[in-house]
Amino acid sequence: MSKLPVREVNRQVLSPRVEATLALIQGLLPAMTAILGGLWVVSTYLDQQKASNTTRLLEAQKPVYEKQLTL
């Protein structure tokens, strides 16, 4: 065991306002991550649906275009 005296260390580096702001961010981060992840999934889904509908439209019009080419 050390014979040195135990020193009390005051480690308050950040101001109370900064600590409160960081605590708020830490509390909101999981919720914001879930919300942004959900928005990204919805956006990806809608983009894929739009591309799928475009493909379906072109496939539906294909016989008409082939008929025009033969004429």
PDB file of N, CA and C in Angstrom:
ATOM      1  N   MET A   1       0.839  -1.168   0.000  1.00  0.00           N
ATOM      2  CA  MET A   1       0.000   0.000   0.000  1.00  0.00           C
ATOM      3  C   MET A   1       0.891   1.240   0.000  1.00  0.00           C
ATOM      4  N   SER A   2       0.428   2.246  -0.683  1.00  0.00           N
ATOM      5  CA  SER A   2       1.202   3.469  -0.821  1.00  0.00           C
ATOM      6  C   SER A   2       1.104   4.319   0.442  1.00  0.00           C
ATOM      7  N   LYS A   3       2.185   5.008   0.735  1.00  0.00           N
ATOM      8  CA  LYS A   3       2.206   5.883   1.907  1.00  0.00           C
ATOM      9  C   LYS A   3       1.849   7.313   1.536  1.00  0.00           C
ATOM     10  N   LEU A   4       1.556   7.526   0.261  1.00  0.00           N
ATOM     11  CA  LEU A   4       1.198   8.864  -0.182  1.00  0.00           C
ATOM     12  C   LEU A   4      -0.228   9.194   0.253  1.00  0.00           C
ATOM     13  N   PRO A   5      -0.495  10.450   0.553  1.00  0.00           N
ATOM     14  CA  PRO A   5      -1.861  10.815   0.952  1.00  0.00           C
ATOM     15  C   PRO A   5      -2.809  10.760  -0.245  1.00  0.00           C
ATOM     16  N   VAL A   6      -4.029  10.445   0.029  1.00  0.00           N
ATOM     17  CA  VAL A   6      -5.051  10.380  -1.010  1.00  0.00           C
ATOM     18  C   VAL A   6      -5.481  11.807  -1.334  1.00  0.00           C
ATOM     19  N   ARG A   7      -5.385  12.134  -2.601  1.00  0.00           N
ATOM     20  CA  ARG A   7      -5.761  13.489  -3.036  1.00  0.00           C
ATOM     21  C   ARG A   7      -7.147  13.457  -3.654  1.00  0.00           C
ATOM     22  N   GLU A   8      -7.877  14.444  -3.335  1.00  0.00           N
ATOM     23  CA  GLU A   8      -9.184  14.582  -3.967  1.00  0.00           C
ATOM     24  C   GLU A   8      -8.987  15.354  -5.265  1.00  0.00           C
ATOM     25  N   VAL A   9      -9.488  14.774  -6.333  1.00  0.00           N
ATOM     26  CA  VAL A   9      -9.308  15.390  -7.633  1.00  0.00           C
ATOM     27  C   VAL A   9     -10.644  15.957  -8.091  1.00  0.00           C
ATOM     28  N   ASN A  10     -10.655  17.223  -8.373  1.00  0.00           N
ATOM     29  CA  ASN A  10     -11.858  17.874  -8.884  1.00  0.00           C
ATOM     30  C   ASN A  10     -11.768  17.829 -10.404  1.00  0.00           C
ATOM     31  N   ARG A  11     -12.546  16.972 -11.021  1.00  0.00           N
ATOM     32  CA  ARG A  11     -12.471  16.766 -12.467  1.00  0.00           C
ATOM     33  C   ARG A  11     -13.632  17.411 -13.204  1.00  0.00           C
ATOM     34  N   GLN A  12     -14.131  18.463 -12.703  1.00  0.00           N
ATOM     35  CA  GLN A  12     -15.216  19.154 -13.394  1.00  0.00           C
ATOM     36  C   GLN A  12     -14.592  20.032 -14.471  1.00  0.00           C
ATOM     37  N   VAL A  13     -14.489  19.460 -15.676  1.00  0.00           N
ATOM     38  CA  VAL A  13     -13.841  20.149 -16.781  1.00  0.00           C
ATOM     39  C   VAL A  13     -14.860  20.967 -17.569  1.00  0.00           C
ATOM     40  N   LEU A  14     -16.056  20.426 -17.721  1.00  0.00           N
ATOM     41  CA  LEU A  14     -17.085  21.087 -18.526  1.00  0.00           C
ATOM     42  C   LEU A  14     -17.997  21.931 -17.646  1.00  0.00           C
ATOM     43  N   SER A  15     -18.536  22.959 -18.245  1.00  0.00           N
ATOM     44  CA  SER A  15     -19.476  23.801 -17.512  1.00  0.00           C
ATOM     45  C   SER A  15     -20.794  23.053 -17.349  1.00  0.00           C
ATOM     46  N   PRO A  16     -21.601  23.439 -16.380  1.00  0.00           N
ATOM     47  CA  PRO A  16     -22.896  22.773 -16.190  1.00  0.00           C
ATOM     48  C   PRO A  16     -23.799  22.857 -17.422  1.00  0.00           C
ATOM     49  N   ARG A  17     -23.715  23.957 -18.146  1.00  0.00           N
ATOM     50  CA  ARG A  17     -24.546  24.118 -19.342  1.00  0.00           C
ATOM     51  C   ARG A  17     -24.144  23.102 -20.413  1.00  0.00           C
ATOM     52  N   VAL A  18     -22.833  22.917 -20.598  1.00  0.00           N
ATOM     53  CA  VAL A  18     -22.354  21.959 -21.589  1.00  0.00           C
ATOM     54  C   VAL A  18     -22.721  20.541 -21.157  1.00  0.00           C
ATOM     55  N   GLU A  19     -22.600  20.262 -19.870  1.00  0.00           N
ATOM     56  CA  GLU A  19     -22.976  18.931 -19.378  1.00  0.00           C
ATOM     57  C   GLU A  19     -24.459  18.662 -19.594  1.00  0.00           C
ATOM     58  N   ALA A  20     -25.293  19.663 -19.374  1.00  0.00           N
ATOM     59  CA  ALA A  20     -26.736  19.501 -19.592  1.00  0.00           C
ATOM     60  C   ALA A  20     -27.036  19.277 -21.067  1.00  0.00           C
ATOM     61  N   THR A  21     -26.358  20.001 -21.937  1.00  0.00           N
ATOM     62  CA  THR A  21     -26.558  19.835 -23.380  1.00  0.00           C
ATOM     63  C   THR A  21     -26.144  18.436 -23.821  1.00  0.00           C
ATOM     64  N   LEU A  22     -25.009  17.971 -23.342  1.00  0.00           N
ATOM     65  CA  LEU A  22     -24.549  16.626 -23.701  1.00  0.00           C
ATOM     66  C   LEU A  22     -25.479  15.548 -23.159  1.00  0.00           C
ATOM     67  N   ALA A  23     -26.017  15.764 -21.971  1.00  0.00           N
ATOM     68  CA  ALA A  23     -26.971  14.796 -21.411  1.00  0.00           C
ATOM     69  C   ALA A  23     -28.243  14.752 -22.249  1.00  0.00           C
ATOM     70  N   LEU A  24     -28.692  15.907 -22.717  1.00  0.00           N
ATOM     71  CA  LEU A  24     -29.890  15.960 -23.574  1.00  0.00           C
ATOM     72  C   LEU A  24     -29.642  15.232 -24.881  1.00  0.00           C
ATOM     73  N   ILE A  25     -28.495  15.484 -25.489  1.00  0.00           N
ATOM     74  CA  ILE A  25     -28.157  14.804 -26.742  1.00  0.00           C
ATOM     75  C   ILE A  25     -28.064  13.307 -26.522  1.00  0.00           C
ATOM     76  N   GLN A  26     -27.454  12.907 -25.419  1.00  0.00           N
ATOM     77  CA  GLN A  26     -27.317  11.485 -25.112  1.00  0.00           C
ATOM     78  C   GLN A  26     -28.690  10.832 -24.925  1.00  0.00           C
ATOM     79  N   GLY A  27     -29.625  11.540 -24.370  1.00  0.00           N
ATOM     80  CA  GLY A  27     -30.966  11.009 -24.185  1.00  0.00           C
ATOM     81  C   GLY A  27     -31.757  10.923 -25.478  1.00  0.00           C
ATOM     82  N   LEU A  28     -31.555  11.900 -26.361  1.00  0.00           N
ATOM     83  CA  LEU A  28     -32.322  11.943 -27.612  1.00  0.00           C
ATOM     84  C   LEU A  28     -31.708  11.106 -28.730  1.00  0.00           C
ATOM     85  N   LEU A  29     -30.453  10.757 -28.614  1.00  0.00           N
ATOM     86  CA  LEU A  29     -29.761  10.061 -29.693  1.00  0.00           C
ATOM     87  C   LEU A  29     -30.416   8.739 -30.094  1.00  0.00           C
ATOM     88  N   PRO A  30     -30.801   7.864 -29.174  1.00  0.00           N
ATOM     89  CA  PRO A  30     -31.442   6.611 -29.620  1.00  0.00           C
ATOM     90  C   PRO A  30     -32.761   6.837 -30.368  1.00  0.00           C
ATOM     91  N   ALA A  31     -33.552   7.762 -29.889  1.00  0.00           N
ATOM     92  CA  ALA A  31     -34.832   8.032 -30.555  1.00  0.00           C
ATOM     93  C   ALA A  31     -34.606   8.629 -31.943  1.00  0.00           C
ATOM     94  N   MET A  32     -33.687   9.569 -32.042  1.00  0.00           N
ATOM     95  CA  MET A  32     -33.410  10.193 -33.334  1.00  0.00           C
ATOM     96  C   MET A  32     -32.833   9.180 -34.317  1.00  0.00           C
ATOM     97  N   THR A  33     -32.011   8.271 -33.828  1.00  0.00           N
ATOM     98  CA  THR A  33     -31.456   7.229 -34.694  1.00  0.00           C
ATOM     99  C   THR A  33     -32.571   6.344 -35.240  1.00  0.00           C
ATOM    100  N   ALA A  34     -33.516   5.978 -34.387  1.00  0.00           N
ATOM    101  CA  ALA A  34     -34.633   5.137 -34.830  1.00  0.00           C
ATOM    102  C   ALA A  34     -35.508   5.872 -35.835  1.00  0.00           C
ATOM    103  N   ILE A  35     -35.759   7.146 -35.590  1.00  0.00           N
ATOM    104  CA  ILE A  35     -36.601   7.925 -36.507  1.00  0.00           C
ATOM    105  C   ILE A  35     -35.918   8.081 -37.866  1.00  0.00           C
ATOM    106  N   LEU A  36     -34.651   8.434 -37.861  1.00  0.00           N
ATOM    107  CA  LEU A  36     -33.935   8.603 -39.128  1.00  0.00           C
ATOM    108  C   LEU A  36     -33.796   7.283 -39.872  1.00  0.00           C
ATOM    109  N   GLY A  37     -33.587   6.197 -39.149  1.00  0.00           N
ATOM    110  CA  GLY A  37     -33.530   4.877 -39.789  1.00  0.00           C
ATOM    111  C   GLY A  37     -34.856   4.522 -40.440  1.00  0.00           C
ATOM    112  N   GLY A  38     -35.951   4.817 -39.760  1.00  0.00           N
ATOM    113  CA  GLY A  38     -37.270   4.558 -40.324  1.00  0.00           C
ATOM    114  C   GLY A  38     -37.542   5.390 -41.568  1.00  0.00           C
ATOM    115  N   LEU A  39     -37.138   6.652 -41.533  1.00  0.00           N
ATOM    116  CA  LEU A  39     -37.314   7.502 -42.715  1.00  0.00           C
ATOM    117  C   LEU A  39     -36.481   7.003 -43.888  1.00  0.00           C
ATOM    118  N   TRP A  40     -35.289   6.508 -43.608  1.00  0.00           N
ATOM    119  CA  TRP A  40     -34.442   5.971 -44.669  1.00  0.00           C
ATOM    120  C   TRP A  40     -35.080   4.727 -45.287  1.00  0.00           C
ATOM    121  N   VAL A  41     -35.655   3.851 -44.455  1.00  0.00           N
ATOM    122  CA  VAL A  41     -36.312   2.640 -44.964  1.00  0.00           C
ATOM    123  C   VAL A  41     -37.509   3.013 -45.837  1.00  0.00           C
ATOM    124  N   VAL A  42     -38.307   3.960 -45.388  1.00  0.00           N
ATOM    125  CA  VAL A  42     -39.477   4.393 -46.174  1.00  0.00           C
ATOM    126  C   VAL A  42     -39.033   5.004 -47.500  1.00  0.00           C
ATOM    127  N   SER A  43     -37.999   5.820 -47.462  1.00  0.00           N
ATOM    128  CA  SER A  43     -37.499   6.438 -48.684  1.00  0.00           C
ATOM    129  C   SER A  43     -36.997   5.387 -49.672  1.00  0.00           C
ATOM    130  N   THR A  44     -36.256   4.413 -49.182  1.00  0.00           N
ATOM    131  CA  THR A  44     -35.752   3.341 -50.045  1.00  0.00           C
ATOM    132  C   THR A  44     -36.906   2.540 -50.645  1.00  0.00           C
ATOM    133  N   TYR A  45     -37.905   2.237 -49.832  1.00  0.00           N
ATOM    134  CA  TYR A  45     -39.063   1.479 -50.303  1.00  0.00           C
ATOM    135  C   TYR A  45     -39.799   2.243 -51.410  1.00  0.00           C
ATOM    136  N   LEU A  46     -40.021   3.539 -51.199  1.00  0.00           N
ATOM    137  CA  LEU A  46     -40.740   4.320 -52.200  1.00  0.00           C
ATOM    138  C   LEU A  46     -39.949   4.437 -53.502  1.00  0.00           C
ATOM    139  N   ASP A  47     -38.624   4.575 -53.409  1.00  0.00           N
ATOM    140  CA  ASP A  47     -37.795   4.622 -54.616  1.00  0.00           C
ATOM    141  C   ASP A  47     -37.884   3.308 -55.395  1.00  0.00           C
ATOM    142  N   GLN A  48     -37.877   2.182 -54.690  1.00  0.00           N
ATOM    143  CA  GLN A  48     -37.967   0.885 -55.362  1.00  0.00           C
ATOM    144  C   GLN A  48     -39.339   0.695 -55.990  1.00  0.00           C
ATOM    145  N   GLN A  49     -40.382   1.167 -55.327  1.00  0.00           N
ATOM    146  CA  GLN A  49     -41.719   1.061 -55.893  1.00  0.00           C
ATOM    147  C   GLN A  49     -41.841   1.903 -57.162  1.00  0.00           C
ATOM    148  N   LYS A  50     -41.247   3.074 -57.153  1.00  0.00           N
ATOM    149  CA  LYS A  50     -41.288   3.938 -58.335  1.00  0.00           C
ATOM    150  C   LYS A  50     -40.563   3.284 -59.502  1.00  0.00           C
ATOM    151  N   ALA A  51     -39.403   2.689 -59.249  1.00  0.00           N
ATOM    152  CA  ALA A  51     -38.653   2.010 -60.303  1.00  0.00           C
ATOM    153  C   ALA A  51     -39.430   0.801 -60.815  1.00  0.00           C
ATOM    154  N   SER A  52     -40.087   0.078 -59.921  1.00  0.00           N
ATOM    155  CA  SER A  52     -40.874  -1.083 -60.314  1.00  0.00           C
ATOM    156  C   SER A  52     -42.061  -0.669 -61.189  1.00  0.00           C
ATOM    157  N   ASN A  53     -42.719   0.415 -60.822  1.00  0.00           N
ATOM    158  CA  ASN A  53     -43.855   0.889 -61.617  1.00  0.00           C
ATOM    159  C   ASN A  53     -43.408   1.346 -62.995  1.00  0.00           C
ATOM    160  N   THR A  54     -42.252   1.961 -63.090  1.00  0.00           N
ATOM    161  CA  THR A  54     -41.727   2.390 -64.390  1.00  0.00           C
ATOM    162  C   THR A  54     -41.455   1.178 -65.269  1.00  0.00           C
ATOM    163  N   THR A  55     -40.870   0.140 -64.677  1.00  0.00           N
ATOM    164  CA  THR A  55     -40.591  -1.087 -65.431  1.00  0.00           C
ATOM    165  C   THR A  55     -41.884  -1.735 -65.904  1.00  0.00           C
ATOM    166  N   ARG A  56     -42.879  -1.785 -65.041  1.00  0.00           N
ATOM    167  CA  ARG A  56     -44.166  -2.373 -65.422  1.00  0.00           C
ATOM    168  C   ARG A  56     -44.809  -1.596 -66.572  1.00  0.00           C
ATOM    169  N   LEU A  57     -44.719  -0.282 -66.524  1.00  0.00           N
ATOM    170  CA  LEU A  57     -45.302   0.545 -67.577  1.00  0.00           C
ATOM    171  C   LEU A  57     -44.618   0.276 -68.913  1.00  0.00           C
ATOM    172  N   LEU A  58     -43.294   0.192 -68.899  1.00  0.00           N
ATOM    173  CA  LEU A  58     -42.575  -0.090 -70.140  1.00  0.00           C
ATOM    174  C   LEU A  58     -42.902  -1.480 -70.682  1.00  0.00           C
ATOM    175  N   GLU A  59     -43.029  -2.454 -69.807  1.00  0.00           N
ATOM    176  CA  GLU A  59     -43.388  -3.808 -70.237  1.00  0.00           C
ATOM    177  C   GLU A  59     -44.804  -3.846 -70.810  1.00  0.00           C
ATOM    178  N   ALA A  60     -45.702  -3.054 -70.235  1.00  0.00           N
ATOM    179  CA  ALA A  60     -47.075  -3.019 -70.744  1.00  0.00           C
ATOM    180  C   ALA A  60     -47.139  -2.355 -72.112  1.00  0.00           C
ATOM    181  N   GLN A  61     -46.269  -1.389 -72.364  1.00  0.00           N
ATOM    182  CA  GLN A  61     -46.276  -0.677 -73.637  1.00  0.00           C
ATOM    183  C   GLN A  61     -45.444  -1.379 -74.705  1.00  0.00           C
ATOM    184  N   LYS A  62     -44.726  -2.398 -74.347  1.00  0.00           N
ATOM    185  CA  LYS A  62     -43.832  -3.084 -75.281  1.00  0.00           C
ATOM    186  C   LYS A  62     -44.557  -3.620 -76.521  1.00  0.00           C
ATOM    187  N   PRO A  63     -45.709  -4.301 -76.387  1.00  0.00           N
ATOM    188  CA  PRO A  63     -46.387  -4.786 -77.601  1.00  0.00           C
ATOM    189  C   PRO A  63     -46.787  -3.653 -78.557  1.00  0.00           C
ATOM    190  N   VAL A  64     -47.169  -2.520 -78.016  1.00  0.00           N
ATOM    191  CA  VAL A  64     -47.551  -1.385 -78.857  1.00  0.00           C
ATOM    192  C   VAL A  64     -46.334  -0.879 -79.621  1.00  0.00           C
ATOM    193  N   TYR A  65     -45.214  -0.764 -78.947  1.00  0.00           N
ATOM    194  CA  TYR A  65     -44.005  -0.284 -79.595  1.00  0.00           C
ATOM    195  C   TYR A  65     -43.510  -1.272 -80.654  1.00  0.00           C
ATOM    196  N   GLU A  66     -43.616  -2.554 -80.372  1.00  0.00           N
ATOM    197  CA  GLU A  66     -43.208  -3.570 -81.352  1.00  0.00           C
ATOM    198  C   GLU A  66     -44.107  -3.511 -82.585  1.00  0.00           C
ATOM    199  N   LYS A  67     -45.394  -3.308 -82.384  1.00  0.00           N
ATOM    200  CA  LYS A  67     -46.334  -3.188 -83.487  1.00  0.00           C
ATOM    201  C   LYS A  67     -46.016  -1.954 -84.350  1.00  0.00           C
ATOM    202  N   GLN A  68     -45.653  -0.847 -83.683  1.00  0.00           N
ATOM    203  CA  GLN A  68     -45.300   0.354 -84.430  1.00  0.00           C
ATOM    204  C   GLN A  68     -44.017   0.129 -85.243  1.00  0.00           C
ATOM    205  N   LEU A  69     -43.085  -0.613 -84.707  1.00  0.00           N
ATOM    206  CA  LEU A  69     -41.845  -0.870 -85.430  1.00  0.00           C
ATOM    207  C   LEU A  69     -42.088  -1.737 -86.671  1.00  0.00           C
ATOM    208  N   THR A  70     -42.989  -2.681 -86.557  1.00  0.00           N
ATOM    209  CA  THR A  70     -43.260  -3.534 -87.703  1.00  0.00           C
ATOM    210  C   THR A  70     -43.999  -2.779 -88.804  1.00  0.00           C
ATOM    211  N   LEU A  71     -44.780  -1.800 -88.433  1.00  0.00           N
ATOM    212  CA  LEU A  71     -45.506  -1.009 -89.439  1.00  0.00           C
ATOM    213  C   LEU A  71     -44.578   0.010 -90.041  1.00  0.00           C
TER     214      LEU A  71
END
